[in-house]
Amino acid sequence: MITQIRVVHIAAGKAGAAFPWAKEVCEYCKSKAGIEVKLGLPIGGNPNRLFFISQYENLTSLEKIWGKLLADPQYFALLARASDLVIGGTTHDDLVQTM
């Protein structure tokens, strides 16, 4: 099992708008690519972060699902709506293999 964790840093004062947008991203991924993405918030450390957490059977299934999203102009339009909510250049992904 592969777990992907995408960390997004929220711009100062934008958390109120970022949470509904992030939920919309999760719903969109489910409806368009069939993957459940859970939204996580930090317990400690920098509170201005969001975590998008999804799981895949293997790397091949991750590649197939992300291929669908990366070919979808509506997905990119949804991401572009967050240009003032997310701090550019701070988003990163971690891939974790469950043992």
PDB file of N, CA and C in Angstrom:
ATOM      1  N   MET A   1       0.855  -1.173   0.000  1.00  0.00           N
ATOM      2  CA  MET A   1       0.000   0.000   0.000  1.00  0.00           C
ATOM      3  C   MET A   1       0.900   1.234   0.000  1.00  0.00           C
ATOM      4  N   ILE A   2       0.538   2.200  -0.830  1.00  0.00           N
ATOM      5  CA  ILE A   2       1.273   3.459  -0.934  1.00  0.00           C
ATOM      6  C   ILE A   2       0.387   4.579  -0.393  1.00  0.00           C
ATOM      7  N   THR A   3       0.909   5.361   0.524  1.00  0.00           N
ATOM      8  CA  THR A   3       0.205   6.528   1.045  1.00  0.00           C
ATOM      9  C   THR A   3       0.911   7.773   0.526  1.00  0.00           C
ATOM     10  N   GLN A   4       0.130   8.667  -0.051  1.00  0.00           N
ATOM     11  CA  GLN A   4       0.656   9.953  -0.512  1.00  0.00           C
ATOM     12  C   GLN A   4       0.163  11.023   0.447  1.00  0.00           C
ATOM     13  N   ILE A   5       1.074  11.859   0.899  1.00  0.00           N
ATOM     14  CA  ILE A   5       0.734  12.976   1.775  1.00  0.00           C
ATOM     15  C   ILE A   5       1.230  14.251   1.103  1.00  0.00           C
ATOM     16  N   ARG A   6       0.303  15.082   0.697  1.00  0.00           N
ATOM     17  CA  ARG A   6       0.645  16.371   0.090  1.00  0.00           C
ATOM     18  C   ARG A   6       0.466  17.442   1.154  1.00  0.00           C
ATOM     19  N   VAL A   7       1.529  18.191   1.415  1.00  0.00           N
ATOM     20  CA  VAL A   7       1.505  19.251   2.422  1.00  0.00           C
ATOM     21  C   VAL A   7       1.400  20.592   1.697  1.00  0.00           C
ATOM     22  N   VAL A   8       0.401  21.376   2.108  1.00  0.00           N
ATOM     23  CA  VAL A   8       0.155  22.689   1.523  1.00  0.00           C
ATOM     24  C   VAL A   8       0.231  23.716   2.646  1.00  0.00           C
ATOM     25  N   HIS A   9       0.983  24.773   2.432  1.00  0.00           N
ATOM     26  CA  HIS A   9       1.107  25.845   3.421  1.00  0.00           C
ATOM     27  C   HIS A   9       0.132  26.960   3.071  1.00  0.00           C
ATOM     28  N   ILE A  10      -0.693  27.326   4.034  1.00  0.00           N
ATOM     29  CA  ILE A  10      -1.733  28.335   3.838  1.00  0.00           C
ATOM     30  C   ILE A  10      -1.156  29.725   4.102  1.00  0.00           C
ATOM     31  N   ALA A  11      -1.515  30.660   3.256  1.00  0.00           N
ATOM     32  CA  ALA A  11      -1.088  32.047   3.441  1.00  0.00           C
ATOM     33  C   ALA A  11      -1.731  32.615   4.712  1.00  0.00           C
ATOM     34  N   ALA A  12      -1.025  33.544   5.339  1.00  0.00           N
ATOM     35  CA  ALA A  12      -1.512  34.156   6.578  1.00  0.00           C
ATOM     36  C   ALA A  12      -2.888  34.773   6.375  1.00  0.00           C
ATOM     37  N   GLY A  13      -3.791  34.458   7.302  1.00  0.00           N
ATOM     38  CA  GLY A  13      -5.126  35.009   7.269  1.00  0.00           C
ATOM     39  C   GLY A  13      -6.070  34.379   6.256  1.00  0.00           C
ATOM     40  N   LYS A  14      -5.648  33.302   5.603  1.00  0.00           N
ATOM     41  CA  LYS A  14      -6.453  32.694   4.542  1.00  0.00           C
ATOM     42  C   LYS A  14      -7.043  31.336   4.918  1.00  0.00           C
ATOM     43  N   ALA A  15      -6.887  30.916   6.168  1.00  0.00           N
ATOM     44  CA  ALA A  15      -7.373  29.591   6.575  1.00  0.00           C
ATOM     45  C   ALA A  15      -8.880  29.460   6.370  1.00  0.00           C
ATOM     46  N   GLY A  16      -9.633  30.494   6.661  1.00  0.00           N
ATOM     47  CA  GLY A  16     -11.087  30.434   6.517  1.00  0.00           C
ATOM     48  C   GLY A  16     -11.532  30.124   5.098  1.00  0.00           C
ATOM     49  N   ALA A  17     -10.811  30.608   4.118  1.00  0.00           N
ATOM     50  CA  ALA A  17     -11.129  30.333   2.715  1.00  0.00           C
ATOM     51  C   ALA A  17     -10.457  29.051   2.233  1.00  0.00           C
ATOM     52  N   ALA A  18      -9.332  28.695   2.844  1.00  0.00           N
ATOM     53  CA  ALA A  18      -8.583  27.517   2.387  1.00  0.00           C
ATOM     54  C   ALA A  18      -9.297  26.214   2.723  1.00  0.00           C
ATOM     55  N   PHE A  19      -9.953  26.136   3.866  1.00  0.00           N
ATOM     56  CA  PHE A  19     -10.594  24.878   4.264  1.00  0.00           C
ATOM     57  C   PHE A  19     -11.711  24.462   3.312  1.00  0.00           C
ATOM     58  N   PRO A  20     -12.640  25.347   2.957  1.00  0.00           N
ATOM     59  CA  PRO A  20     -13.683  24.947   1.990  1.00  0.00           C
ATOM     60  C   PRO A  20     -13.092  24.563   0.629  1.00  0.00           C
ATOM     61  N   TRP A  21     -12.079  25.297   0.183  1.00  0.00           N
ATOM     62  CA  TRP A  21     -11.417  24.964  -1.077  1.00  0.00           C
ATOM     63  C   TRP A  21     -10.804  23.574  -0.998  1.00  0.00           C
ATOM     64  N   ALA A  22     -10.115  23.267   0.104  1.00  0.00           N
ATOM     65  CA  ALA A  22      -9.465  21.968   0.257  1.00  0.00           C
ATOM     66  C   ALA A  22     -10.495  20.835   0.255  1.00  0.00           C
ATOM     67  N   LYS A  23     -11.627  21.044   0.895  1.00  0.00           N
ATOM     68  CA  LYS A  23     -12.690  20.032   0.880  1.00  0.00           C
ATOM     69  C   LYS A  23     -13.208  19.822  -0.541  1.00  0.00           C
ATOM     70  N   GLU A  24     -13.307  20.904  -1.282  1.00  0.00           N
ATOM     71  CA  GLU A  24     -13.746  20.802  -2.673  1.00  0.00           C
ATOM     72  C   GLU A  24     -12.754  19.991  -3.508  1.00  0.00           C
ATOM     73  N   VAL A  25     -11.460  20.185  -3.263  1.00  0.00           N
ATOM     74  CA  VAL A  25     -10.432  19.402  -3.961  1.00  0.00           C
ATOM     75  C   VAL A  25     -10.613  17.912  -3.659  1.00  0.00           C
ATOM     76  N   CYS A  26     -10.836  17.575  -2.404  1.00  0.00           N
ATOM     77  CA  CYS A  26     -11.034  16.177  -2.008  1.00  0.00           C
ATOM     78  C   CYS A  26     -12.252  15.583  -2.715  1.00  0.00           C
ATOM     79  N   GLU A  27     -13.355  16.318  -2.742  1.00  0.00           N
ATOM     80  CA  GLU A  27     -14.573  15.849  -3.400  1.00  0.00           C
ATOM     81  C   GLU A  27     -14.363  15.686  -4.903  1.00  0.00           C
ATOM     82  N   TYR A  28     -13.620  16.602  -5.495  1.00  0.00           N
ATOM     83  CA  TYR A  28     -13.365  16.544  -6.933  1.00  0.00           C
ATOM     84  C   TYR A  28     -12.538  15.304  -7.278  1.00  0.00           C
ATOM     85  N   CYS A  29     -11.520  15.028  -6.497  1.00  0.00           N
ATOM     86  CA  CYS A  29     -10.675  13.850  -6.751  1.00  0.00           C
ATOM     87  C   CYS A  29     -11.504  12.568  -6.683  1.00  0.00           C
ATOM     88  N   LYS A  30     -12.432  12.512  -5.754  1.00  0.00           N
ATOM     89  CA  LYS A  30     -13.304  11.339  -5.613  1.00  0.00           C
ATOM     90  C   LYS A  30     -14.223  11.195  -6.827  1.00  0.00           C
ATOM     91  N   SER A  31     -14.833  12.294  -7.234  1.00  0.00           N
ATOM     92  CA  SER A  31     -15.806  12.225  -8.327  1.00  0.00           C
ATOM     93  C   SER A  31     -15.152  12.014  -9.694  1.00  0.00           C
ATOM     94  N   LYS A  32     -13.991  12.589  -9.922  1.00  0.00           N
ATOM     95  CA  LYS A  32     -13.367  12.526 -11.245  1.00  0.00           C
ATOM     96  C   LYS A  32     -12.345  11.410 -11.404  1.00  0.00           C
ATOM     97  N   ALA A  33     -11.667  11.046 -10.320  1.00  0.00           N
ATOM     98  CA  ALA A  33     -10.608  10.038 -10.439  1.00  0.00           C
ATOM     99  C   ALA A  33     -10.870   8.802  -9.588  1.00  0.00           C
ATOM    100  N   GLY A  34     -11.921   8.845  -8.777  1.00  0.00           N
ATOM    101  CA  GLY A  34     -12.267   7.678  -7.977  1.00  0.00           C
ATOM    102  C   GLY A  34     -11.354   7.414  -6.796  1.00  0.00           C
ATOM    103  N   ILE A  35     -10.613   8.415  -6.371  1.00  0.00           N
ATOM    104  CA  ILE A  35      -9.709   8.231  -5.227  1.00  0.00           C
ATOM    105  C   ILE A  35     -10.208   9.049  -4.049  1.00  0.00           C
ATOM    106  N   GLU A  36     -10.231   8.429  -2.890  1.00  0.00           N
ATOM    107  CA  GLU A  36     -10.629   9.148  -1.686  1.00  0.00           C
ATOM    108  C   GLU A  36      -9.417   9.893  -1.133  1.00  0.00           C
ATOM    109  N   VAL A  37      -9.565  11.185  -0.991  1.00  0.00           N
ATOM    110  CA  VAL A  37      -8.517  12.026  -0.423  1.00  0.00           C
ATOM    111  C   VAL A  37      -9.058  12.582   0.885  1.00  0.00           C
ATOM    112  N   LYS A  38      -8.323  12.319   1.952  1.00  0.00           N
ATOM    113  CA  LYS A  38      -8.723  12.836   3.265  1.00  0.00           C
ATOM    114  C   LYS A  38      -7.953  14.114   3.548  1.00  0.00           C
ATOM    115  N   LEU A  39      -8.598  15.002   4.257  1.00  0.00           N
ATOM    116  CA  LEU A  39      -7.986  16.270   4.619  1.00  0.00           C
ATOM    117  C   LEU A  39      -7.503  16.182   6.059  1.00  0.00           C
ATOM    118  N   GLY A  40      -6.247  16.541   6.298  1.00  0.00           N
ATOM    119  CA  GLY A  40      -5.695  16.521   7.640  1.00  0.00           C
ATOM    120  C   GLY A  40      -5.209  17.891   8.070  1.00  0.00           C
ATOM    121  N   LEU A  41      -5.257  18.121   9.374  1.00  0.00           N
ATOM    122  CA  LEU A  41      -4.763  19.360   9.978  1.00  0.00           C
ATOM    123  C   LEU A  41      -3.679  18.996  10.988  1.00  0.00           C
ATOM    124  N   PRO A  42      -2.684  19.855  11.163  1.00  0.00           N
ATOM    125  CA  PRO A  42      -1.603  19.535  12.097  1.00  0.00           C
ATOM    126  C   PRO A  42      -2.058  19.601  13.556  1.00  0.00           C
ATOM    127  N   ILE A  43      -1.502  18.738  14.365  1.00  0.00           N
ATOM    128  CA  ILE A  43      -1.745  18.769  15.806  1.00  0.00           C
ATOM    129  C   ILE A  43      -0.745  19.704  16.477  1.00  0.00           C
ATOM    130  N   GLY A  44       0.457  19.744  15.963  1.00  0.00           N
ATOM    131  CA  GLY A  44       1.494  20.623  16.501  1.00  0.00           C
ATOM    132  C   GLY A  44       2.249  21.285  15.360  1.00  0.00           C
ATOM    133  N   GLY A  45       3.163  22.142  15.706  1.00  0.00           N
ATOM    134  CA  GLY A  45       3.953  22.831  14.692  1.00  0.00           C
ATOM    135  C   GLY A  45       3.172  23.949  14.035  1.00  0.00           C
ATOM    136  N   ASN A  46       3.518  24.243  12.812  1.00  0.00           N
ATOM    137  CA  ASN A  46       2.894  25.324  12.055  1.00  0.00           C
ATOM    138  C   ASN A  46       1.417  24.999  11.812  1.00  0.00           C
ATOM    139  N   PRO A  47       0.493  25.800  12.346  1.00  0.00           N
ATOM    140  CA  PRO A  47      -0.929  25.511  12.162  1.00  0.00           C
ATOM    141  C   PRO A  47      -1.441  25.858  10.766  1.00  0.00           C
ATOM    142  N   ASN A  48      -0.673  26.588   9.998  1.00  0.00           N
ATOM    143  CA  ASN A  48      -1.103  27.019   8.666  1.00  0.00           C
ATOM    144  C   ASN A  48      -0.706  26.022   7.593  1.00  0.00           C
ATOM    145  N   ARG A  49      -1.060  24.760   7.836  1.00  0.00           N
ATOM    146  CA  ARG A  49      -0.788  23.694   6.870  1.00  0.00           C
ATOM    147  C   ARG A  49      -2.037  22.841   6.700  1.00  0.00           C
ATOM    148  N   LEU A  50      -2.166  22.291   5.524  1.00  0.00           N
ATOM    149  CA  LEU A  50      -3.187  21.296   5.234  1.00  0.00           C
ATOM    150  C   LEU A  50      -2.484  20.068   4.680  1.00  0.00           C
ATOM    151  N   PHE A  51      -3.029  18.899   4.976  1.00  0.00           N
ATOM    152  CA  PHE A  51      -2.484  17.653   4.473  1.00  0.00           C
ATOM    153  C   PHE A  51      -3.556  16.951   3.651  1.00  0.00           C
ATOM    154  N   PHE A  52      -3.250  16.660   2.409  1.00  0.00           N
ATOM    155  CA  PHE A  52      -4.122  15.861   1.559  1.00  0.00           C
ATOM    156  C   PHE A  52      -3.554  14.446   1.574  1.00  0.00           C
ATOM    157  N   ILE A  53      -4.324  13.487   2.081  1.00  0.00           N
ATOM    158  CA  ILE A  53      -3.823  12.131   2.303  1.00  0.00           C
ATOM    159  C   ILE A  53      -4.643  11.157   1.463  1.00  0.00           C
ATOM    160  N   SER A  54      -3.948  10.366   0.648  1.00  0.00           N
ATOM    161  CA  SER A  54      -4.622   9.376  -0.186  1.00  0.00           C
ATOM    162  C   SER A  54      -3.805   8.091  -0.201  1.00  0.00           C
ATOM    163  N   GLN A  55      -4.491   6.989  -0.471  1.00  0.00           N
ATOM    164  CA  GLN A  55      -3.819   5.685  -0.487  1.00  0.00           C
ATOM    165  C   GLN A  55      -4.081   4.979  -1.804  1.00  0.00           C
ATOM    166  N   TYR A  56      -3.087   4.223  -2.232  1.00  0.00           N
ATOM    167  CA  TYR A  56      -3.114   3.511  -3.501  1.00  0.00           C
ATOM    168  C   TYR A  56      -2.612   2.095  -3.278  1.00  0.00           C
ATOM    169  N   GLU A  57      -3.131   1.189  -4.065  1.00  0.00           N
ATOM    170  CA  GLU A  57      -2.730  -0.214  -3.955  1.00  0.00           C
ATOM    171  C   GLU A  57      -1.234  -0.381  -4.222  1.00  0.00           C
ATOM    172  N   ASN A  58      -0.736   0.360  -5.218  1.00  0.00           N
ATOM    173  CA  ASN A  58       0.682   0.280  -5.601  1.00  0.00           C
ATOM    174  C   ASN A  58       1.029   1.520  -6.425  1.00  0.00           C
ATOM    175  N   LEU A  59       2.267   1.621  -6.854  1.00  0.00           N
ATOM    176  CA  LEU A  59       2.695   2.793  -7.618  1.00  0.00           C
ATOM    177  C   LEU A  59       2.009   2.876  -8.975  1.00  0.00           C
ATOM    178  N   THR A  60       1.681   1.736  -9.550  1.00  0.00           N
ATOM    179  CA  THR A  60       0.982   1.729 -10.835  1.00  0.00           C
ATOM    180  C   THR A  60      -0.395   2.364 -10.708  1.00  0.00           C
ATOM    181  N   SER A  61      -1.119   2.042  -9.648  1.00  0.00           N
ATOM    182  CA  SER A  61      -2.445   2.649  -9.460  1.00  0.00           C
ATOM    183  C   SER A  61      -2.324   4.140  -9.163  1.00  0.00           C
ATOM    184  N   LEU A  62      -1.302   4.546  -8.425  1.00  0.00           N
ATOM    185  CA  LEU A  62      -1.064   5.974  -8.181  1.00  0.00           C
ATOM    186  C   LEU A  62      -0.842   6.693  -9.508  1.00  0.00           C
ATOM    187  N   GLU A  63      -0.012   6.115 -10.352  1.00  0.00           N
ATOM    188  CA  GLU A  63       0.289   6.731 -11.649  1.00  0.00           C
ATOM    189  C   GLU A  63      -0.965   6.825 -12.522  1.00  0.00           C
ATOM    190  N   LYS A  64      -1.786   5.802 -12.514  1.00  0.00           N
ATOM    191  CA  LYS A  64      -3.015   5.797 -13.321  1.00  0.00           C
ATOM    192  C   LYS A  64      -3.981   6.886 -12.856  1.00  0.00           C
ATOM    193  N   ILE A  65      -4.192   6.977 -11.563  1.00  0.00           N
ATOM    194  CA  ILE A  65      -5.121   7.971 -11.024  1.00  0.00           C
ATOM    195  C   ILE A  65      -4.606   9.379 -11.244  1.00  0.00           C
ATOM    196  N   TRP A  66      -3.325   9.614 -10.977  1.00  0.00           N
ATOM    197  CA  TRP A  66      -2.790  10.958 -11.186  1.00  0.00           C
ATOM    198  C   TRP A  66      -2.723  11.315 -12.660  1.00  0.00           C
ATOM    199  N   GLY A  67      -2.599  10.303 -13.519  1.00  0.00           N
ATOM    200  CA  GLY A  67      -2.668  10.560 -14.960  1.00  0.00           C
ATOM    201  C   GLY A  67      -4.001  11.157 -15.349  1.00  0.00           C
ATOM    202  N   LYS A  68      -5.087  10.648 -14.750  1.00  0.00           N
ATOM    203  CA  LYS A  68      -6.421  11.195 -15.006  1.00  0.00           C
ATOM    204  C   LYS A  68      -6.508  12.653 -14.562  1.00  0.00           C
ATOM    205  N   LEU A  69      -6.032  12.921 -13.355  1.00  0.00           N
ATOM    206  CA  LEU A  69      -6.141  14.286 -12.821  1.00  0.00           C
ATOM    207  C   LEU A  69      -5.248  15.263 -13.582  1.00  0.00           C
ATOM    208  N   LEU A  70      -4.058  14.837 -13.930  1.00  0.00           N
ATOM    209  CA  LEU A  70      -3.127  15.745 -14.605  1.00  0.00           C
ATOM    210  C   LEU A  70      -3.532  16.023 -16.048  1.00  0.00           C
ATOM    211  N   ALA A  71      -4.449  15.232 -16.586  1.00  0.00           N
ATOM    212  CA  ALA A  71      -4.964  15.477 -17.932  1.00  0.00           C
ATOM    213  C   ALA A  71      -6.279  16.253 -17.896  1.00  0.00           C
ATOM    214  N   ASP A  72      -6.712  16.657 -16.734  1.00  0.00           N
ATOM    215  CA  ASP A  72      -8.019  17.279 -16.543  1.00  0.00           C
ATOM    216  C   ASP A  72      -7.887  18.791 -16.343  1.00  0.00           C
ATOM    217  N   PRO A  73      -8.283  19.600 -17.318  1.00  0.00           N
ATOM    218  CA  PRO A  73      -8.179  21.057 -17.179  1.00  0.00           C
ATOM    219  C   PRO A  73      -9.000  21.613 -16.014  1.00  0.00           C
ATOM    220  N   GLN A  74     -10.118  20.955 -15.684  1.00  0.00           N
ATOM    221  CA  GLN A  74     -10.933  21.432 -14.563  1.00  0.00           C
ATOM    222  C   GLN A  74     -10.193  21.269 -13.236  1.00  0.00           C
ATOM    223  N   TYR A  75      -9.380  20.226 -13.121  1.00  0.00           N
ATOM    224  CA  TYR A  75      -8.577  20.026 -11.907  1.00  0.00           C
ATOM    225  C   TYR A  75      -7.593  21.191 -11.747  1.00  0.00           C
ATOM    226  N   PHE A  76      -6.948  21.567 -12.841  1.00  0.00           N
ATOM    227  CA  PHE A  76      -5.999  22.679 -12.771  1.00  0.00           C
ATOM    228  C   PHE A  76      -6.702  24.004 -12.496  1.00  0.00           C
ATOM    229  N   ALA A  77      -7.902  24.168 -13.004  1.00  0.00           N
ATOM    230  CA  ALA A  77      -8.672  25.382 -12.708  1.00  0.00           C
ATOM    231  C   ALA A  77      -9.017  25.446 -11.223  1.00  0.00           C
ATOM    232  N   LEU A  78      -9.359  24.292 -10.648  1.00  0.00           N
ATOM    233  CA  LEU A  78      -9.643  24.230  -9.214  1.00  0.00           C
ATOM    234  C   LEU A  78      -8.401  24.597  -8.396  1.00  0.00           C
ATOM    235  N   LEU A  79      -7.246  24.094  -8.802  1.00  0.00           N
ATOM    236  CA  LEU A  79      -6.002  24.431  -8.101  1.00  0.00           C
ATOM    237  C   LEU A  79      -5.658  25.910  -8.254  1.00  0.00           C
ATOM    238  N   ALA A  80      -5.895  26.452  -9.434  1.00  0.00           N
ATOM    239  CA  ALA A  80      -5.569  27.859  -9.687  1.00  0.00           C
ATOM    240  C   ALA A  80      -6.384  28.801  -8.808  1.00  0.00           C
ATOM    241  N   ARG A  81      -7.571  28.367  -8.409  1.00  0.00           N
ATOM    242  CA  ARG A  81      -8.395  29.205  -7.539  1.00  0.00           C
ATOM    243  C   ARG A  81      -7.751  29.449  -6.186  1.00  0.00           C
ATOM    244  N   ALA A  82      -6.746  28.652  -5.843  1.00  0.00           N
ATOM    245  CA  ALA A  82      -6.078  28.791  -4.542  1.00  0.00           C
ATOM    246  C   ALA A  82      -4.807  29.619  -4.627  1.00  0.00           C
ATOM    247  N   SER A  83      -4.598  30.312  -5.723  1.00  0.00           N
ATOM    248  CA  SER A  83      -3.336  31.037  -5.886  1.00  0.00           C
ATOM    249  C   SER A  83      -3.089  32.069  -4.784  1.00  0.00           C
ATOM    250  N   ASP A  84      -4.149  32.619  -4.200  1.00  0.00           N
ATOM    251  CA  ASP A  84      -3.970  33.573  -3.111  1.00  0.00           C
ATOM    252  C   ASP A  84      -4.119  32.919  -1.730  1.00  0.00           C
ATOM    253  N   LEU A  85      -4.445  31.618  -1.709  1.00  0.00           N
ATOM    254  CA  LEU A  85      -4.635  30.905  -0.437  1.00  0.00           C
ATOM    255  C   LEU A  85      -3.399  30.137   0.001  1.00  0.00           C
ATOM    256  N   VAL A  86      -2.641  29.668  -0.975  1.00  0.00           N
ATOM    257  CA  VAL A  86      -1.506  28.789  -0.719  1.00  0.00           C
ATOM    258  C   VAL A  86      -0.212  29.548  -1.004  1.00  0.00           C
ATOM    259  N   ILE A  87       0.784  29.328  -0.172  1.00  0.00           N
ATOM    260  CA  ILE A  87       2.089  29.967  -0.368  1.00  0.00           C
ATOM    261  C   ILE A  87       2.828  29.194  -1.452  1.00  0.00           C
ATOM    262  N   GLY A  88       3.094  29.846  -2.561  1.00  0.00           N
ATOM    263  CA  GLY A  88       3.768  29.210  -3.695  1.00  0.00           C
ATOM    264  C   GLY A  88       5.141  28.680  -3.330  1.00  0.00           C
ATOM    265  N   GLY A  89       5.472  27.542  -3.903  1.00  0.00           N
ATOM    266  CA  GLY A  89       6.786  26.947  -3.701  1.00  0.00           C
ATOM    267  C   GLY A  89       6.946  26.173  -2.404  1.00  0.00           C
ATOM    268  N   THR A  90       5.899  26.066  -1.604  1.00  0.00           N
ATOM    269  CA  THR A  90       6.027  25.369  -0.316  1.00  0.00           C
ATOM    270  C   THR A  90       5.340  24.010  -0.305  1.00  0.00           C
ATOM    271  N   THR A  91       4.549  23.716  -1.334  1.00  0.00           N
ATOM    272  CA  THR A  91       3.829  22.450  -1.388  1.00  0.00           C
ATOM    273  C   THR A  91       4.810  21.320  -1.700  1.00  0.00           C
ATOM    274  N   HIS A  92       4.656  20.218  -0.978  1.00  0.00           N
ATOM    275  CA  HIS A  92       5.490  19.056  -1.291  1.00  0.00           C
ATOM    276  C   HIS A  92       4.724  17.769  -0.998  1.00  0.00           C
ATOM    277  N   ASP A  93       5.176  16.689  -1.611  1.00  0.00           N
ATOM    278  CA  ASP A  93       4.564  15.373  -1.440  1.00  0.00           C
ATOM    279  C   ASP A  93       5.536  14.434  -0.754  1.00  0.00           C
ATOM    280  N   ASP A  94       4.967  13.563   0.071  1.00  0.00           N
ATOM    281  CA  ASP A  94       5.707  12.432   0.604  1.00  0.00           C
ATOM    282  C   ASP A  94       4.963  11.176   0.192  1.00  0.00           C
ATOM    283  N   LEU A  95       5.699  10.180  -0.265  1.00  0.00           N
ATOM    284  CA  LEU A  95       5.139   8.875  -0.575  1.00  0.00           C
ATOM    285  C   LEU A  95       5.672   7.896   0.460  1.00  0.00           C
ATOM    286  N   VAL A  96       4.769   7.145   1.073  1.00  0.00           N
ATOM    287  CA  VAL A  96       5.139   6.223   2.147  1.00  0.00           C
ATOM    288  C   VAL A  96       4.620   4.835   1.783  1.00  0.00           C
ATOM    289  N   GLN A  97       5.483   3.854   1.857  1.00  0.00           N
ATOM    290  CA  GLN A  97       5.052   2.480   1.633  1.00  0.00           C
ATOM    291  C   GLN A  97       4.747   1.834   2.978  1.00  0.00           C
ATOM    292  N   THR A  98       3.521   1.348   3.092  1.00  0.00           N
ATOM    293  CA  THR A  98       3.121   0.673   4.333  1.00  0.00           C
ATOM    294  C   THR A  98       3.729  -0.726   4.341  1.00  0.00           C
ATOM    295  N   MET A  99       4.328  -1.068   5.435  1.00  0.00           N
ATOM    296  CA  MET A  99       4.978  -2.387   5.553  1.00  0.00           C
ATOM    297  C   MET A  99       4.070  -3.342   6.287  1.00  0.00           C
TER     298      MET A  99
END
